[in-house]
């Protein structure tokens, strides 16, 4: 059952990535094959991933969901096919997420709950 769930998750992420790529590139008829051919291992691939991550955050995806979404990107898939170590590939995706994650404003920071482990209540 876990295998079918993960394949469903992967299919959803592939469709979501393709939909976001179509928005970013302005090409409504862009196919998965074209996407991988044009961006897999190419210099513009990271820019595409950053734009897609930024759009995904704007649409309300969480940091983990954006990280998972990047697993199906042409750049990540290209790196997997090239045999790069998974830790390097994960680091690439984590860097894209960190670079595009919305930063909290001062007002938002003030509204965040504070952790009691940092409060000294001698």
PDB file of N, CA and C in Angstrom:
ATOM      1  N   UNK A   1       0.820  -1.201   0.000  1.00  0.00           N
ATOM      2  CA  UNK A   1       0.000   0.000   0.000  1.00  0.00           C
ATOM      3  C   UNK A   1       0.857   1.254   0.000  1.00  0.00           C
ATOM      4  N   UNK A   2       1.962   1.208   0.730  1.00  0.00           N
ATOM      5  CA  UNK A   2       2.832   2.385   0.785  1.00  0.00           C
ATOM      6  C   UNK A   2       3.378   2.725  -0.598  1.00  0.00           C
ATOM      7  N   UNK A   3       3.654   1.699  -1.396  1.00  0.00           N
ATOM      8  CA  UNK A   3       4.183   1.953  -2.737  1.00  0.00           C
ATOM      9  C   UNK A   3       3.170   2.699  -3.595  1.00  0.00           C
ATOM     10  N   UNK A   4       1.909   2.287  -3.544  1.00  0.00           N
ATOM     11  CA  UNK A   4       0.907   2.969  -4.363  1.00  0.00           C
ATOM     12  C   UNK A   4       0.678   4.391  -3.864  1.00  0.00           C
ATOM     13  N   UNK A   5       0.774   4.597  -2.550  1.00  0.00           N
ATOM     14  CA  UNK A   5       0.599   5.952  -2.019  1.00  0.00           C
ATOM     15  C   UNK A   5       1.732   6.851  -2.493  1.00  0.00           C
ATOM     16  N   UNK A   6       2.960   6.358  -2.450  1.00  0.00           N
ATOM     17  CA  UNK A   6       4.077   7.202  -2.873  1.00  0.00           C
ATOM     18  C   UNK A   6       4.018   7.488  -4.367  1.00  0.00           C
ATOM     19  N   UNK A   7       3.529   6.540  -5.164  1.00  0.00           N
ATOM     20  CA  UNK A   7       3.414   6.809  -6.596  1.00  0.00           C
ATOM     21  C   UNK A   7       2.299   7.818  -6.865  1.00  0.00           C
ATOM     22  N   UNK A   8       1.258   7.789  -6.057  1.00  0.00           N
ATOM     23  CA  UNK A   8       0.202   8.800  -6.185  1.00  0.00           C
ATOM     24  C   UNK A   8       0.759  10.161  -5.810  1.00  0.00           C
ATOM     25  N   UNK A   9       1.497  10.220  -4.705  1.00  0.00           N
ATOM     26  CA  UNK A   9       2.113  11.476  -4.288  1.00  0.00           C
ATOM     27  C   UNK A   9       3.020  12.020  -5.383  1.00  0.00           C
ATOM     28  N   UNK A  10       3.831  11.152  -5.978  1.00  0.00           N
ATOM     29  CA  UNK A  10       4.748  11.579  -7.033  1.00  0.00           C
ATOM     30  C   UNK A  10       3.970  12.107  -8.238  1.00  0.00           C
ATOM     31  N   UNK A  11       2.871  11.444  -8.583  1.00  0.00           N
ATOM     32  CA  UNK A  11       2.058  11.909  -9.713  1.00  0.00           C
ATOM     33  C   UNK A  11       1.462  13.281  -9.440  1.00  0.00           C
ATOM     34  N   UNK A  12       0.996  13.488  -8.221  1.00  0.00           N
ATOM     35  CA  UNK A  12       0.425  14.784  -7.852  1.00  0.00           C
ATOM     36  C   UNK A  12       1.497  15.863  -7.930  1.00  0.00           C
ATOM     37  N   UNK A  13       2.680  15.570  -7.411  1.00  0.00           N
ATOM     38  CA  UNK A  13       3.760  16.554  -7.456  1.00  0.00           C
ATOM     39  C   UNK A  13       4.204  16.838  -8.895  1.00  0.00           C
ATOM     40  N   UNK A  14       4.239  15.800  -9.737  1.00  0.00           N
ATOM     41  CA  UNK A  14       4.602  16.023 -11.146  1.00  0.00           C
ATOM     42  C   UNK A  14       3.591  16.945 -11.825  1.00  0.00           C
ATOM     43  N   UNK A  15       2.312  16.696 -11.583  1.00  0.00           N
ATOM     44  CA  UNK A  15       1.273  17.556 -12.169  1.00  0.00           C
ATOM     45  C   UNK A  15       1.342  18.974 -11.612  1.00  0.00           C
ATOM     46  N   UNK A  16       1.561  19.086 -10.318  1.00  0.00           N
ATOM     47  CA  UNK A  16       1.659  20.415  -9.702  1.00  0.00           C
ATOM     48  C   UNK A  16       2.865  21.170 -10.248  1.00  0.00           C
ATOM     49  N   UNK A  17       4.002  20.472 -10.364  1.00  0.00           N
ATOM     50  CA  UNK A  17       5.206  21.123 -10.881  1.00  0.00           C
ATOM     51  C   UNK A  17       4.975  21.583 -12.318  1.00  0.00           C
ATOM     52  N   UNK A  18       4.373  20.728 -13.131  1.00  0.00           N
ATOM     53  CA  UNK A  18       4.109  21.083 -14.523  1.00  0.00           C
ATOM     54  C   UNK A  18       3.171  22.285 -14.604  1.00  0.00           C
ATOM     55  N   UNK A  19       2.132  22.292 -13.784  1.00  0.00           N
ATOM     56  CA  UNK A  19       1.206  23.428 -13.777  1.00  0.00           C
ATOM     57  C   UNK A  19       1.896  24.725 -13.390  1.00  0.00           C
ATOM     58  N   UNK A  20       2.746  24.664 -12.377  1.00  0.00           N
ATOM     59  CA  UNK A  20       3.486  25.861 -11.964  1.00  0.00           C
ATOM     60  C   UNK A  20       4.496  26.274 -13.031  1.00  0.00           C
ATOM     61  N   UNK A  21       5.134  25.292 -13.668  1.00  0.00           N
ATOM     62  CA  UNK A  21       6.091  25.599 -14.740  1.00  0.00           C
ATOM     63  C   UNK A  21       5.386  26.287 -15.904  1.00  0.00           C
ATOM     64  N   UNK A  22       4.185  25.859 -16.193  1.00  0.00           N
ATOM     65  CA  UNK A  22       3.416  26.509 -17.260  1.00  0.00           C
ATOM     66  C   UNK A  22       3.126  27.958 -16.910  1.00  0.00           C
ATOM     67  N   UNK A  23       2.802  28.220 -15.640  1.00  0.00           N
ATOM     68  CA  UNK A  23       2.551  29.599 -15.206  1.00  0.00           C
ATOM     69  C   UNK A  23       3.822  30.432 -15.287  1.00  0.00           C
ATOM     70  N   UNK A  24       4.923  29.875 -14.811  1.00  0.00           N
ATOM     71  CA  UNK A  24       6.192  30.613 -14.766  1.00  0.00           C
ATOM     72  C   UNK A  24       6.701  30.924 -16.169  1.00  0.00           C
ATOM     73  N   UNK A  25       6.606  29.937 -17.068  1.00  0.00           N
ATOM     74  CA  UNK A  25       7.134  30.125 -18.421  1.00  0.00           C
ATOM     75  C   UNK A  25       6.141  30.813 -19.352  1.00  0.00           C
ATOM     76  N   UNK A  26       4.870  30.837 -18.972  1.00  0.00           N
ATOM     77  CA  UNK A  26       3.847  31.422 -19.836  1.00  0.00           C
ATOM     78  C   UNK A  26       3.494  30.530 -21.008  1.00  0.00           C
ATOM     79  N   UNK A  27       3.854  29.265 -20.918  1.00  0.00           N
ATOM     80  CA  UNK A  27       3.587  28.311 -21.999  1.00  0.00           C
ATOM     81  C   UNK A  27       2.528  27.311 -21.544  1.00  0.00           C
ATOM     82  N   UNK A  28       1.300  27.573 -21.890  1.00  0.00           N
ATOM     83  CA  UNK A  28       0.179  26.754 -21.433  1.00  0.00           C
ATOM     84  C   UNK A  28       0.232  25.322 -21.961  1.00  0.00           C
ATOM     85  N   UNK A  29       0.889  25.100 -23.082  1.00  0.00           N
ATOM     86  CA  UNK A  29       0.933  23.768 -23.685  1.00  0.00           C
ATOM     87  C   UNK A  29       2.235  23.023 -23.376  1.00  0.00           C
ATOM     88  N   UNK A  30       3.036  23.536 -22.453  1.00  0.00           N
ATOM     89  CA  UNK A  30       4.304  22.899 -22.096  1.00  0.00           C
ATOM     90  C   UNK A  30       4.056  21.479 -21.594  1.00  0.00           C
ATOM     91  N   UNK A  31       4.807  20.517 -22.134  1.00  0.00           N
ATOM     92  CA  UNK A  31       4.670  19.123 -21.709  1.00  0.00           C
ATOM     93  C   UNK A  31       5.806  18.762 -20.762  1.00  0.00           C
ATOM     94  N   UNK A  32       5.623  17.661 -20.060  1.00  0.00           N
ATOM     95  CA  UNK A  32       6.664  17.178 -19.158  1.00  0.00           C
ATOM     96  C   UNK A  32       7.942  16.876 -19.936  1.00  0.00           C
ATOM     97  N   UNK A  33       7.809  16.276 -21.105  1.00  0.00           N
ATOM     98  CA  UNK A  33       8.976  15.944 -21.916  1.00  0.00           C
ATOM     99  C   UNK A  33       9.738  17.206 -22.324  1.00  0.00           C
ATOM    100  N   UNK A  34       9.007  18.224 -22.771  1.00  0.00           N
ATOM    101  CA  UNK A  34       9.648  19.491 -23.145  1.00  0.00           C
ATOM    102  C   UNK A  34      10.335  20.126 -21.944  1.00  0.00           C
ATOM    103  N   UNK A  35       9.674  20.066 -20.823  1.00  0.00           N
ATOM    104  CA  UNK A  35      10.216  20.638 -19.596  1.00  0.00           C
ATOM    105  C   UNK A  35      11.557  19.992 -19.248  1.00  0.00           C
ATOM    106  N   UNK A  36      11.601  18.674 -19.273  1.00  0.00           N
ATOM    107  CA  UNK A  36      12.839  17.971 -18.934  1.00  0.00           C
ATOM    108  C   UNK A  36      13.914  18.176 -19.997  1.00  0.00           C
ATOM    109  N   UNK A  37      13.512  18.228 -21.257  1.00  0.00           N
ATOM    110  CA  UNK A  37      14.481  18.444 -22.334  1.00  0.00           C
ATOM    111  C   UNK A  37      15.088  19.842 -22.261  1.00  0.00           C
ATOM    112  N   UNK A  38      14.261  20.832 -21.970  1.00  0.00           N
ATOM    113  CA  UNK A  38      14.717  22.224 -21.984  1.00  0.00           C
ATOM    114  C   UNK A  38      15.410  22.659 -20.697  1.00  0.00           C
ATOM    115  N   UNK A  39      15.122  21.987 -19.583  1.00  0.00           N
ATOM    116  CA  UNK A  39      15.664  22.452 -18.305  1.00  0.00           C
ATOM    117  C   UNK A  39      16.538  21.439 -17.576  1.00  0.00           C
ATOM    118  N   UNK A  40      16.441  20.163 -17.885  1.00  0.00           N
ATOM    119  CA  UNK A  40      17.247  19.163 -17.190  1.00  0.00           C
ATOM    120  C   UNK A  40      18.733  19.377 -17.425  1.00  0.00           C
ATOM    121  N   UNK A  41      19.456  19.738 -16.367  1.00  0.00           N
ATOM    122  CA  UNK A  41      20.895  19.954 -16.469  1.00  0.00           C
ATOM    123  C   UNK A  41      21.301  21.247 -17.139  1.00  0.00           C
ATOM    124  N   UNK A  42      20.367  22.122 -17.410  1.00  0.00           N
ATOM    125  CA  UNK A  42      20.660  23.381 -18.109  1.00  0.00           C
ATOM    126  C   UNK A  42      20.843  24.522 -17.104  1.00  0.00           C
ATOM    127  N   UNK A  43      21.551  25.587 -17.518  1.00  0.00           N
ATOM    128  CA  UNK A  43      21.811  26.713 -16.609  1.00  0.00           C
ATOM    129  C   UNK A  43      20.547  27.382 -16.054  1.00  0.00           C
ATOM    130  N   UNK A  44      19.474  27.429 -16.827  1.00  0.00           N
ATOM    131  CA  UNK A  44      18.247  28.088 -16.371  1.00  0.00           C
ATOM    132  C   UNK A  44      17.412  27.233 -15.419  1.00  0.00           C
ATOM    133  N   UNK A  45      17.824  26.000 -15.193  1.00  0.00           N
ATOM    134  CA  UNK A  45      17.024  25.089 -14.370  1.00  0.00           C
ATOM    135  C   UNK A  45      16.858  25.594 -12.943  1.00  0.00           C
ATOM    136  N   UNK A  46      17.919  26.115 -12.345  1.00  0.00           N
ATOM    137  CA  UNK A  46      17.802  26.597 -10.972  1.00  0.00           C
ATOM    138  C   UNK A  46      16.884  27.817 -10.896  1.00  0.00           C
ATOM    139  N   UNK A  47      16.959  28.690 -11.889  1.00  0.00           N
ATOM    140  CA  UNK A  47      16.058  29.851 -11.916  1.00  0.00           C
ATOM    141  C   UNK A  47      14.604  29.389 -11.997  1.00  0.00           C
ATOM    142  N   UNK A  48      14.355  28.374 -12.815  1.00  0.00           N
ATOM    143  CA  UNK A  48      13.000  27.832 -12.925  1.00  0.00           C
ATOM    144  C   UNK A  48      12.548  27.267 -11.585  1.00  0.00           C
ATOM    145  N   UNK A  49      13.417  26.484 -10.938  1.00  0.00           N
ATOM    146  CA  UNK A  49      13.066  25.910  -9.637  1.00  0.00           C
ATOM    147  C   UNK A  49      12.789  26.999  -8.605  1.00  0.00           C
ATOM    148  N   UNK A  50      13.596  28.051  -8.616  1.00  0.00           N
ATOM    149  CA  UNK A  50      13.380  29.151  -7.672  1.00  0.00           C
ATOM    150  C   UNK A  50      12.049  29.853  -7.940  1.00  0.00           C
ATOM    151  N   UNK A  51      11.745  30.084  -9.203  1.00  0.00           N
ATOM    152  CA  UNK A  51      10.475  30.737  -9.554  1.00  0.00           C
ATOM    153  C   UNK A  51       9.288  29.867  -9.163  1.00  0.00           C
ATOM    154  N   UNK A  52       9.413  28.576  -9.389  1.00  0.00           N
ATOM    155  CA  UNK A  52       8.334  27.654  -9.041  1.00  0.00           C
ATOM    156  C   UNK A  52       8.178  27.570  -7.527  1.00  0.00           C
ATOM    157  N   UNK A  53       9.287  27.511  -6.805  1.00  0.00           N
ATOM    158  CA  UNK A  53       9.217  27.467  -5.342  1.00  0.00           C
ATOM    159  C   UNK A  53       8.561  28.736  -4.800  1.00  0.00           C
ATOM    160  N   UNK A  54       8.939  29.872  -5.356  1.00  0.00           N
ATOM    161  CA  UNK A  54       8.362  31.145  -4.917  1.00  0.00           C
ATOM    162  C   UNK A  54       6.849  31.166  -5.161  1.00  0.00           C
ATOM    163  N   UNK A  55       6.435  30.728  -6.329  1.00  0.00           N
ATOM    164  CA  UNK A  55       5.010  30.680  -6.655  1.00  0.00           C
ATOM    165  C   UNK A  55       4.279  29.685  -5.747  1.00  0.00           C
ATOM    166  N   UNK A  56       4.911  28.563  -5.468  1.00  0.00           N
ATOM    167  CA  UNK A  56       4.302  27.561  -4.587  1.00  0.00           C
ATOM    168  C   UNK A  56       4.099  28.125  -3.181  1.00  0.00           C
ATOM    169  N   UNK A  57       5.087  28.858  -2.674  1.00  0.00           N
ATOM    170  CA  UNK A  57       4.929  29.502  -1.364  1.00  0.00           C
ATOM    171  C   UNK A  57       3.782  30.507  -1.397  1.00  0.00           C
ATOM    172  N   UNK A  58       3.695  31.274  -2.480  1.00  0.00           N
ATOM    173  CA  UNK A  58       2.620  32.265  -2.607  1.00  0.00           C
ATOM    174  C   UNK A  58       1.246  31.602  -2.605  1.00  0.00           C
ATOM    175  N   UNK A  59       1.198  30.374  -3.100  1.00  0.00           N
ATOM    176  CA  UNK A  59      -0.081  29.655  -3.153  1.00  0.00           C
ATOM    177  C   UNK A  59      -0.362  28.876  -1.872  1.00  0.00           C
ATOM    178  N   UNK A  60       0.507  29.034  -0.868  1.00  0.00           N
ATOM    179  CA  UNK A  60       0.232  28.462   0.442  1.00  0.00           C
ATOM    180  C   UNK A  60       0.884  27.134   0.761  1.00  0.00           C
ATOM    181  N   UNK A  61       1.770  26.643  -0.086  1.00  0.00           N
ATOM    182  CA  UNK A  61       2.441  25.397   0.234  1.00  0.00           C
ATOM    183  C   UNK A  61       3.415  25.613   1.390  1.00  0.00           C
ATOM    184  N   UNK A  62       3.613  24.566   2.167  1.00  0.00           N
ATOM    185  CA  UNK A  62       4.547  24.632   3.285  1.00  0.00           C
ATOM    186  C   UNK A  62       5.968  24.400   2.780  1.00  0.00           C
ATOM    187  N   UNK A  63       6.917  24.650   3.656  1.00  0.00           N
ATOM    188  CA  UNK A  63       8.325  24.439   3.320  1.00  0.00           C
ATOM    189  C   UNK A  63       8.569  22.983   2.897  1.00  0.00           C
ATOM    190  N   UNK A  64       7.994  22.027   3.632  1.00  0.00           N
ATOM    191  CA  UNK A  64       8.165  20.611   3.307  1.00  0.00           C
ATOM    192  C   UNK A  64       7.512  20.272   1.971  1.00  0.00           C
ATOM    193  N   UNK A  65       6.342  20.827   1.703  1.00  0.00           N
ATOM    194  CA  UNK A  65       5.662  20.556   0.437  1.00  0.00           C
ATOM    195  C   UNK A  65       6.453  21.101  -0.743  1.00  0.00           C
ATOM    196  N   UNK A  66       7.054  22.263  -0.584  1.00  0.00           N
ATOM    197  CA  UNK A  66       7.865  22.837  -1.660  1.00  0.00           C
ATOM    198  C   UNK A  66       9.105  21.975  -1.872  1.00  0.00           C
ATOM    199  N   UNK A  67       9.721  21.522  -0.786  1.00  0.00           N
ATOM    200  CA  UNK A  67      10.881  20.632  -0.884  1.00  0.00           C
ATOM    201  C   UNK A  67      10.494  19.361  -1.641  1.00  0.00           C
ATOM    202  N   UNK A  68       9.358  18.772  -1.275  1.00  0.00           N
ATOM    203  CA  UNK A  68       8.876  17.564  -1.956  1.00  0.00           C
ATOM    204  C   UNK A  68       8.553  17.840  -3.422  1.00  0.00           C
ATOM    205  N   UNK A  69       7.991  18.999  -3.702  1.00  0.00           N
ATOM    206  CA  UNK A  69       7.670  19.387  -5.078  1.00  0.00           C
ATOM    207  C   UNK A  69       8.933  19.428  -5.937  1.00  0.00           C
ATOM    208  N   UNK A  70      10.022  19.912  -5.363  1.00  0.00           N
ATOM    209  CA  UNK A  70      11.270  20.018  -6.122  1.00  0.00           C
ATOM    210  C   UNK A  70      11.865  18.655  -6.477  1.00  0.00           C
ATOM    211  N   UNK A  71      11.423  17.606  -5.815  1.00  0.00           N
ATOM    212  CA  UNK A  71      11.929  16.265  -6.124  1.00  0.00           C
ATOM    213  C   UNK A  71      11.621  15.855  -7.559  1.00  0.00           C
ATOM    214  N   UNK A  72      10.590  16.447  -8.158  1.00  0.00           N
ATOM    215  CA  UNK A  72      10.223  16.085  -9.529  1.00  0.00           C
ATOM    216  C   UNK A  72      10.719  17.107 -10.552  1.00  0.00           C
ATOM    217  N   UNK A  73      11.502  18.084 -10.107  1.00  0.00           N
ATOM    218  CA  UNK A  73      11.986  19.105 -11.043  1.00  0.00           C
ATOM    219  C   UNK A  73      12.971  18.497 -12.037  1.00  0.00           C
ATOM    220  N   UNK A  74      13.049  19.071 -13.230  1.00  0.00           N
ATOM    221  CA  UNK A  74      13.990  18.561 -14.229  1.00  0.00           C
ATOM    222  C   UNK A  74      15.434  18.563 -13.723  1.00  0.00           C
ATOM    223  N   UNK A  75      15.804  19.567 -12.948  1.00  0.00           N
ATOM    224  CA  UNK A  75      17.170  19.654 -12.448  1.00  0.00           C
ATOM    225  C   UNK A  75      17.463  18.520 -11.463  1.00  0.00           C
ATOM    226  N   UNK A  76      16.547  18.255 -10.554  1.00  0.00           N
ATOM    227  CA  UNK A  76      16.741  17.171  -9.590  1.00  0.00           C
ATOM    228  C   UNK A  76      16.753  15.829 -10.311  1.00  0.00           C
ATOM    229  N   UNK A  77      15.823  15.617 -11.225  1.00  0.00           N
ATOM    230  CA  UNK A  77      15.779  14.358 -11.964  1.00  0.00           C
ATOM    231  C   UNK A  77      17.048  14.157 -12.794  1.00  0.00           C
ATOM    232  N   UNK A  78      17.558  15.224 -13.382  1.00  0.00           N
ATOM    233  CA  UNK A  78      18.801  15.154 -14.142  1.00  0.00           C
ATOM    234  C   UNK A  78      19.950  14.727 -13.227  1.00  0.00           C
ATOM    235  N   UNK A  79      20.021  15.329 -12.045  1.00  0.00           N
ATOM    236  CA  UNK A  79      21.089  15.000 -11.096  1.00  0.00           C
ATOM    237  C   UNK A  79      20.992  13.544 -10.630  1.00  0.00           C
ATOM    238  N   UNK A  80      19.771  13.061 -10.444  1.00  0.00           N
ATOM    239  CA  UNK A  80      19.583  11.661 -10.059  1.00  0.00           C
ATOM    240  C   UNK A  80      20.109  10.752 -11.166  1.00  0.00           C
ATOM    241  N   UNK A  81      19.743  11.054 -12.411  1.00  0.00           N
ATOM    242  CA  UNK A  81      20.189  10.236 -13.548  1.00  0.00           C
ATOM    243  C   UNK A  81      21.702  10.277 -13.725  1.00  0.00           C
ATOM    244  N   UNK A  82      22.322  11.391 -13.338  1.00  0.00           N
ATOM    245  CA  UNK A  82      23.778  11.515 -13.441  1.00  0.00           C
ATOM    246  C   UNK A  82      24.487  10.774 -12.310  1.00  0.00           C
ATOM    247  N   UNK A  83      23.737  10.284 -11.349  1.00  0.00           N
ATOM    248  CA  UNK A  83      24.309   9.518 -10.248  1.00  0.00           C
ATOM    249  C   UNK A  83      24.895  10.358  -9.124  1.00  0.00           C
ATOM    250  N   UNK A  84      24.479  11.608  -9.032  1.00  0.00           N
ATOM    251  CA  UNK A  84      24.973  12.444  -7.938  1.00  0.00           C
ATOM    252  C   UNK A  84      24.481  11.891  -6.605  1.00  0.00           C
ATOM    253  N   UNK A  85      25.286  12.031  -5.560  1.00  0.00           N
ATOM    254  CA  UNK A  85      24.862  11.550  -4.238  1.00  0.00           C
ATOM    255  C   UNK A  85      23.572  12.239  -3.792  1.00  0.00           C
ATOM    256  N   UNK A  86      22.693  11.471  -3.178  1.00  0.00           N
ATOM    257  CA  UNK A  86      21.383  11.989  -2.775  1.00  0.00           C
ATOM    258  C   UNK A  86      21.524  13.157  -1.806  1.00  0.00           C
ATOM    259  N   UNK A  87      22.567  13.148  -0.974  1.00  0.00           N
ATOM    260  CA  UNK A  87      22.760  14.262  -0.035  1.00  0.00           C
ATOM    261  C   UNK A  87      23.004  15.576  -0.777  1.00  0.00           C
ATOM    262  N   UNK A  88      23.748  15.525  -1.878  1.00  0.00           N
ATOM    263  CA  UNK A  88      23.976  16.735  -2.676  1.00  0.00           C
ATOM    264  C   UNK A  88      22.686  17.212  -3.341  1.00  0.00           C
ATOM    265  N   UNK A  89      21.905  16.266  -3.795  1.00  0.00           N
ATOM    266  CA  UNK A  89      20.641  16.608  -4.446  1.00  0.00           C
ATOM    267  C   UNK A  89      19.678  17.226  -3.429  1.00  0.00           C
ATOM    268  N   UNK A  90      19.618  16.640  -2.242  1.00  0.00           N
ATOM    269  CA  UNK A  90      18.767  17.198  -1.188  1.00  0.00           C
ATOM    270  C   UNK A  90      19.244  18.592  -0.795  1.00  0.00           C
ATOM    271  N   UNK A  91      20.557  18.773  -0.739  1.00  0.00           N
ATOM    272  CA  UNK A  91      21.106  20.082  -0.387  1.00  0.00           C
ATOM    273  C   UNK A  91      20.708  21.126  -1.436  1.00  0.00           C
ATOM    274  N   UNK A  92      20.745  20.733  -2.715  1.00  0.00           N
ATOM    275  CA  UNK A  92      20.314  21.644  -3.784  1.00  0.00           C
ATOM    276  C   UNK A  92      18.865  22.089  -3.539  1.00  0.00           C
ATOM    277  N   UNK A  93      17.973  21.116  -3.317  1.00  0.00           N
ATOM    278  CA  UNK A  93      16.557  21.436  -3.105  1.00  0.00           C
ATOM    279  C   UNK A  93      16.367  22.276  -1.845  1.00  0.00           C
ATOM    280  N   UNK A  94      17.083  21.938  -0.780  1.00  0.00           N
ATOM    281  CA  UNK A  94      16.969  22.704   0.467  1.00  0.00           C
ATOM    282  C   UNK A  94      17.429  24.143   0.260  1.00  0.00           C
ATOM    283  N   UNK A  95      18.491  24.330  -0.525  1.00  0.00           N
ATOM    284  CA  UNK A  95      18.975  25.686  -0.806  1.00  0.00           C
ATOM    285  C   UNK A  95      17.946  26.487  -1.601  1.00  0.00           C
ATOM    286  N   UNK A  96      17.315  25.860  -2.569  1.00  0.00           N
ATOM    287  CA  UNK A  96      16.277  26.549  -3.349  1.00  0.00           C
ATOM    288  C   UNK A  96      15.138  26.968  -2.420  1.00  0.00           C
ATOM    289  N   UNK A  97      14.732  26.069  -1.537  1.00  0.00           N
ATOM    290  CA  UNK A  97      13.651  26.380  -0.593  1.00  0.00           C
ATOM    291  C   UNK A  97      14.056  27.542   0.305  1.00  0.00           C
ATOM    292  N   UNK A  98      15.260  27.484   0.860  1.00  0.00           N
ATOM    293  CA  UNK A  98      15.715  28.543   1.766  1.00  0.00           C
ATOM    294  C   UNK A  98      15.817  29.892   1.055  1.00  0.00           C
ATOM    295  N   UNK A  99      16.276  29.877  -0.194  1.00  0.00           N
ATOM    296  CA  UNK A  99      16.439  31.125  -0.946  1.00  0.00           C
ATOM    297  C   UNK A  99      15.103  31.760  -1.324  1.00  0.00           C
ATOM    298  N   UNK A 100      14.071  30.958  -1.438  1.00  0.00           N
ATOM    299  CA  UNK A 100      12.790  31.484  -1.914  1.00  0.00           C
ATOM    300  C   UNK A 100      11.727  31.571  -0.830  1.00  0.00           C
ATOM    301  N   UNK A 101      11.990  30.993   0.324  1.00  0.00           N
ATOM    302  CA  UNK A 101      11.008  31.008   1.412  1.00  0.00           C
ATOM    303  C   UNK A 101      10.708  32.439   1.815  1.00  0.00           C
ATOM    304  N   UNK A 102       9.430  32.765   1.938  1.00  0.00           N
ATOM    305  CA  UNK A 102       9.078  34.133   2.347  1.00  0.00           C
ATOM    306  C   UNK A 102       9.647  34.440   3.725  1.00  0.00           C
ATOM    307  N   UNK A 103      10.160  35.624   3.859  1.00  0.00           N
ATOM    308  CA  UNK A 103      10.719  36.061   5.141  1.00  0.00           C
ATOM    309  C   UNK A 103       9.621  36.724   5.956  1.00  0.00           C
ATOM    310  N   UNK A 104       9.612  36.457   7.242  1.00  0.00           N
ATOM    311  CA  UNK A 104       8.615  37.059   8.128  1.00  0.00           C
ATOM    312  C   UNK A 104       8.947  38.529   8.350  1.00  0.00           C
ATOM    313  N   UNK A 105       7.919  39.340   8.382  1.00  0.00           N
ATOM    314  CA  UNK A 105       8.105  40.763   8.672  1.00  0.00           C
ATOM    315  C   UNK A 105       8.218  40.940  10.180  1.00  0.00           C
ATOM    316  N   UNK A 106       8.617  42.115  10.614  1.00  0.00           N
ATOM    317  CA  UNK A 106       8.731  42.380  12.050  1.00  0.00           C
ATOM    318  C   UNK A 106       7.395  42.138  12.751  1.00  0.00           C
ATOM    319  N   UNK A 107       6.297  42.558  12.141  1.00  0.00           N
ATOM    320  CA  UNK A 107       4.980  42.346  12.731  1.00  0.00           C
ATOM    321  C   UNK A 107       4.642  40.875  12.875  1.00  0.00           C
ATOM    322  N   UNK A 108       4.990  40.087  11.854  1.00  0.00           N
ATOM    323  CA  UNK A 108       4.742  38.650  11.918  1.00  0.00           C
ATOM    324  C   UNK A 108       5.612  38.004  12.981  1.00  0.00           C
ATOM    325  N   UNK A 109       6.862  38.472  13.096  1.00  0.00           N
ATOM    326  CA  UNK A 109       7.752  37.920  14.108  1.00  0.00           C
ATOM    327  C   UNK A 109       7.215  38.199  15.506  1.00  0.00           C
ATOM    328  N   UNK A 110       6.657  39.379  15.717  1.00  0.00           N
ATOM    329  CA  UNK A 110       6.118  39.742  17.023  1.00  0.00           C
ATOM    330  C   UNK A 110       4.900  38.888  17.375  1.00  0.00           C
ATOM    331  N   UNK A 111       4.180  38.405  16.367  1.00  0.00           N
ATOM    332  CA  UNK A 111       2.980  37.611  16.613  1.00  0.00           C
ATOM    333  C   UNK A 111       3.284  36.138  16.846  1.00  0.00           C
ATOM    334  N   UNK A 112       4.509  35.709  16.553  1.00  0.00           N
ATOM    335  CA  UNK A 112       4.847  34.306  16.716  1.00  0.00           C
ATOM    336  C   UNK A 112       4.963  33.965  18.194  1.00  0.00           C
ATOM    337  N   UNK A 113       4.503  32.776  18.581  1.00  0.00           N
ATOM    338  CA  UNK A 113       4.640  32.384  19.983  1.00  0.00           C
ATOM    339  C   UNK A 113       6.114  32.209  20.334  1.00  0.00           C
ATOM    340  N   UNK A 114       6.454  32.554  21.549  1.00  0.00           N
ATOM    341  CA  UNK A 114       7.842  32.405  21.974  1.00  0.00           C
ATOM    342  C   UNK A 114       8.005  31.078  22.681  1.00  0.00           C
ATOM    343  N   UNK A 115       9.148  30.486  22.511  1.00  0.00           N
ATOM    344  CA  UNK A 115       9.433  29.204  23.124  1.00  0.00           C
ATOM    345  C   UNK A 115       9.785  29.398  24.594  1.00  0.00           C
ATOM    346  N   UNK A 116       9.237  28.560  25.451  1.00  0.00           N
ATOM    347  CA  UNK A 116       9.523  28.678  26.883  1.00  0.00           C
ATOM    348  C   UNK A 116      10.933  28.218  27.209  1.00  0.00           C
ATOM    349  N   UNK A 117      11.564  27.466  26.346  1.00  0.00           N
ATOM    350  CA  UNK A 117      12.907  26.999  26.668  1.00  0.00           C
ATOM    351  C   UNK A 117      13.927  28.134  26.608  1.00  0.00           C
ATOM    352  N   UNK A 118      13.574  29.254  25.996  1.00  0.00           N
ATOM    353  CA  UNK A 118      14.485  30.387  25.944  1.00  0.00           C
ATOM    354  C   UNK A 118      14.181  31.421  27.022  1.00  0.00           C
ATOM    355  N   UNK A 119      13.178  31.161  27.817  1.00  0.00           N
ATOM    356  CA  UNK A 119      12.812  32.112  28.866  1.00  0.00           C
ATOM    357  C   UNK A 119      13.389  31.643  30.193  1.00  0.00           C
ATOM    358  N   UNK A 120      14.107  32.518  30.846  1.00  0.00           N
ATOM    359  CA  UNK A 120      14.712  32.181  32.127  1.00  0.00           C
ATOM    360  C   UNK A 120      13.771  32.607  33.240  1.00  0.00           C
ATOM    361  N   UNK A 121      13.212  31.642  33.914  1.00  0.00           N
ATOM    362  CA  UNK A 121      12.252  31.953  34.983  1.00  0.00           C
ATOM    363  C   UNK A 121      12.788  31.439  36.306  1.00  0.00           C
ATOM    364  N   UNK A 122      13.962  31.909  36.660  1.00  0.00           N
ATOM    365  CA  UNK A 122      14.693  31.491  37.834  1.00  0.00           C
ATOM    366  C   UNK A 122      13.878  31.397  39.011  1.00  0.00           C
TER     367      UNK A 122
END
